Structures are given as structure tokens and as C-alpha cells.
Protein backbone atom coordinates (compact mmCIF):
# COMPACT_ATOMS: atom_id res chain seq x y z
CA UNK A 1 -19.26 -6.12 22.58
CA UNK A 2 -17.94 -6.73 19.06
CA UNK A 3 -18.61 -3.10 18.12
CA UNK A 4 -16.52 -1.88 21.05
CA UNK A 5 -13.57 -4.06 20.08
CA UNK A 6 -13.78 -3.02 16.45
CA UNK A 7 -14.16 0.63 17.42
CA UNK A 8 -11.14 0.35 19.70
CA UNK A 9 -9.15 -1.29 16.92
CA UNK A 10 -10.12 1.44 14.48
CA UNK A 11 -9.25 4.08 17.06
CA UNK A 12 -5.82 2.48 17.60
CA UNK A 13 -5.24 2.37 13.85
CA UNK A 14 -6.26 6.03 13.50
CA UNK A 15 -3.89 7.02 16.33
CA UNK A 16 -1.02 5.09 14.70
CA UNK A 17 -1.60 6.79 11.33
CA UNK A 18 -1.90 10.21 12.96
CA UNK A 19 1.32 9.63 14.93
CA UNK A 20 3.15 8.53 11.77
CA UNK A 21 1.93 11.62 9.90
CA UNK A 22 3.21 13.85 12.73
CA UNK A 23 6.56 12.03 12.88
CA UNK A 24 6.99 12.31 9.13
CA UNK A 25 6.24 16.04 9.15
CA UNK A 26 8.99 16.52 11.74
CA UNK A 27 11.68 14.86 9.58
CA UNK A 28 13.10 16.85 6.69
CA UNK A 29 15.02 15.07 3.94
CA UNK A 30 18.64 16.19 3.81
CA UNK A 31 18.42 17.71 7.31
CA UNK A 32 17.21 14.98 9.69
CA UNK A 33 19.88 12.61 10.97
CA UNK A 34 19.79 8.90 11.73
CA UNK A 35 19.44 9.84 15.40
CA UNK A 36 16.40 11.99 14.54
CA UNK A 37 14.81 9.10 12.62
CA UNK A 38 15.37 6.67 15.51
CA UNK A 39 14.06 9.23 18.01
CA UNK A 40 10.81 9.63 16.03
CA UNK A 41 10.24 6.06 14.80
CA UNK A 42 12.23 3.92 17.26
CA UNK A 43 14.25 0.86 16.34
CA UNK A 44 13.66 -0.31 12.77
CA UNK A 45 12.22 -3.76 12.04
CA UNK A 46 15.16 -4.40 9.70
CA UNK A 47 18.19 -2.53 8.39
CA UNK A 48 19.73 -3.07 4.94
CA UNK A 49 22.82 -1.68 3.32
CA UNK A 50 21.78 0.81 0.62
CA UNK A 51 23.64 1.63 -2.60
CA UNK A 52 26.36 4.23 -2.17
CA UNK A 53 27.17 3.37 1.44
CA UNK A 54 23.93 4.37 3.12
CA UNK A 55 21.42 2.23 5.00
CA UNK A 56 17.69 1.64 4.67
CA UNK A 57 15.51 1.24 7.77
CA UNK A 58 12.23 -0.65 7.59
CA UNK A 59 9.35 0.52 9.76
CA UNK A 60 6.59 -2.01 9.42
CA UNK A 61 2.93 -1.25 10.21
CA UNK A 62 1.62 -4.71 9.28
CA UNK A 63 -0.50 -6.68 10.13
CA UNK A 64 -3.01 -4.13 11.53
CA UNK A 65 -1.82 -1.11 9.57
CA UNK A 66 -1.93 -0.42 5.86
CA UNK A 67 1.46 1.23 5.46
CA UNK A 68 5.13 0.29 5.57
CA UNK A 69 7.88 2.89 5.59
CA UNK A 70 11.40 2.63 4.23
CA UNK A 71 13.73 5.38 5.38
CA UNK A 72 17.14 5.75 3.75
CA UNK A 73 20.04 7.40 5.55
CA UNK A 74 23.02 8.34 3.42
CA UNK A 75 26.69 7.73 4.24
CA UNK A 76 26.77 11.27 5.68
CA UNK A 77 24.28 10.17 8.38
CA UNK A 78 21.43 12.32 6.99
CA UNK A 79 18.01 11.05 5.94
CA UNK A 80 17.71 11.29 2.16
CA UNK A 81 14.42 9.42 1.60
CA UNK A 82 11.29 8.54 3.56
CA UNK A 83 8.76 6.51 1.57
CA UNK A 84 5.47 4.80 2.30
CA UNK A 85 6.03 1.78 0.07
CA UNK A 86 2.66 -0.02 -0.08
CA UNK A 87 1.52 1.58 -3.34
CA UNK A 88 0.27 0.29 -6.69
CA UNK A 89 3.40 1.73 -8.33
CA UNK A 90 5.64 -0.40 -6.09
CA UNK A 91 3.40 -3.46 -6.49
CA UNK A 92 3.92 -3.16 -10.27
CA UNK A 93 7.67 -3.54 -9.71
CA UNK A 94 7.18 -7.06 -8.30
CA UNK A 95 7.97 -9.35 -11.21
CA UNK A 96 8.12 -13.12 -11.72
CA UNK A 97 11.47 -14.55 -10.70
CA UNK A 98 12.21 -11.97 -7.98
CA UNK A 99 13.33 -13.41 -4.64
CA UNK A 100 11.44 -13.08 -1.38
CA UNK A 101 14.28 -10.89 -0.07
CA UNK A 102 14.03 -8.59 -3.12
CA UNK A 103 10.29 -8.17 -2.54
CA UNK A 104 10.81 -7.46 1.16
CA UNK A 105 13.36 -4.76 0.31
CA UNK A 106 10.73 -3.19 -1.93
CA UNK A 107 7.60 -3.53 0.27
CA UNK A 108 8.78 -4.26 3.80
CA UNK A 109 7.62 -7.15 5.94
CA UNK A 110 4.29 -8.70 4.93
CA UNK A 111 1.27 -8.87 7.21
CA UNK A 112 1.01 -12.62 6.78
CA UNK A 113 2.85 -15.52 5.14
CA UNK A 114 0.87 -18.67 4.38
CA UNK A 115 2.52 -21.84 3.03
CA UNK A 116 0.47 -24.11 0.79
CA UNK A 117 2.43 -27.37 0.89
CA UNK A 118 0.37 -29.28 -1.68
CA UNK A 119 0.60 -26.46 -4.22
CA UNK A 120 4.29 -25.90 -3.37
CA UNK A 121 3.51 -22.21 -2.98
CA UNK A 122 3.85 -19.57 -0.31
CA UNK A 123 1.51 -16.57 -0.27
CA UNK A 124 2.71 -13.31 1.29
CA UNK A 125 0.06 -10.65 1.99
CA UNK A 126 0.42 -6.90 2.51
CA UNK A 127 -2.58 -4.85 3.65
CA UNK A 128 -2.81 -1.43 2.00
CA UNK A 129 -5.16 1.42 1.29
CA UNK A 130 -6.07 2.07 -2.35
CA UNK A 131 -7.25 5.55 -3.32
CA UNK A 132 -9.42 7.07 -2.22
CA UNK A 133 -10.13 4.87 0.81
CA UNK A 134 -10.47 1.19 -0.12
CA UNK A 135 -8.86 -1.45 2.12
CA UNK A 136 -7.02 -3.99 -0.06
CA UNK A 137 -4.63 -6.94 0.20
CA UNK A 138 -1.71 -7.34 -2.20
CA UNK A 139 -0.60 -10.98 -2.42
CA UNK A 140 2.65 -12.27 -3.87
CA UNK A 141 2.67 -15.98 -4.66
CA UNK A 142 6.12 -17.53 -4.34
CA UNK A 143 7.35 -20.90 -5.53
CA UNK A 144 8.83 -23.40 -3.07
CA UNK A 145 12.27 -21.88 -3.81
CA UNK A 146 11.05 -18.37 -2.79
CA UNK A 147 10.74 -16.92 -6.29
CA UNK A 148 7.77 -14.80 -7.40
CA UNK A 149 5.30 -16.70 -9.56
CA UNK A 150 2.49 -14.12 -9.74
CA UNK A 151 0.68 -11.38 -7.80
CA UNK A 152 -2.88 -10.25 -7.19
CA UNK A 153 -4.82 -7.56 -5.32
CA UNK A 154 -8.23 -8.11 -3.74
CA UNK A 155 -10.48 -6.20 -1.33
CA UNK A 156 -9.39 -6.80 2.26
CA UNK A 157 -11.88 -9.35 3.68
CA UNK A 158 -10.96 -8.43 7.27
CA UNK A 159 -11.78 -4.76 6.66
CA UNK A 160 -15.11 -5.72 5.10
CA UNK A 161 -15.81 -8.11 8.00
CA UNK A 162 -15.13 -5.32 10.50
CA UNK A 163 -17.67 -3.14 8.73
CA UNK A 164 -20.37 -5.78 9.05
CA UNK A 165 -19.77 -7.16 5.55
CA UNK A 166 -20.22 -3.81 3.83
């Protein structure tokens, strides 16, 4: 029974990734409009004002997925950037002292937030895929006032558990 559930979960994840890849291929930067983005991806998880009068839409694939997308629409209503943001290059931009909101604007919504009252810390986890195909978790440890203390990346224990510990 466990194999069927895991297989179904993996199938659902594969379908989600395949659908995202198709949606992305149908949106051309500088041509696609905000309406096109919403038609392909639906309502964003969050919308932020972007520099220069545009807006950034967050499309979160956490906790089951390993990607988060930020799509920026310029003041002219055209999409000017579509980025999968869960990458080592973006993780390197997370620096001590940054706020939780700053990190969310960089990486999107985390898969999980865990408070550790006694330590006065909060851990935020993002699941991602490291090249070529390694499931990982990027964790940002925040102080009690929501400022970055440190970060770390480890193999995703849930992915290893789903593979029978391999």
C-alpha cells in the first residue's frame, strides 16, 4: 500500500512539473501579458510591488514540489521575468540580518516553518532539487525578531524516506 501512495505522489509531482514546463514555454518575456500569466498559472500566492512600477507574482510549489516561481510584470502590463528561484545562486544571497520578508521576496513561501521556543529561533525550510537530481532542503534560521542568523542545506530526509532510505 505504501508503494502505491508514494508512486501516486511521485506521479502527481511529475505531472505538476510537466505542466509548469509547458506553461512556461507558452509565456514569452516581453510579449506575454499579466492576463496571459494568470491564465496559465492562476492566482498568485502573493503579489509584491516591484521596482519601477511593476509587480511580482509568487507561484509557490512547496511543500510537495521543489520549485517556486517569481514572475515580474512591468508597468506596461507585460511579463518581463519568469524565474524559478530555488537555486544555490539565490540561496547564497540570503545573508545574516535579512528579514523574513526579504527572504520570502527572494525565495517565495517556504515549505515549512518550525519555531524553536527554547532556542528563540525559527527555521524556515524550502525543498529544492540540486543538480543533477538530488532532493535537498535549504533551511534559514531566523532569530526571534525574524532576522537571518544562518543557513544550511541538507539532503531531503522525506525524499530519502520515500525511496526506502536510499
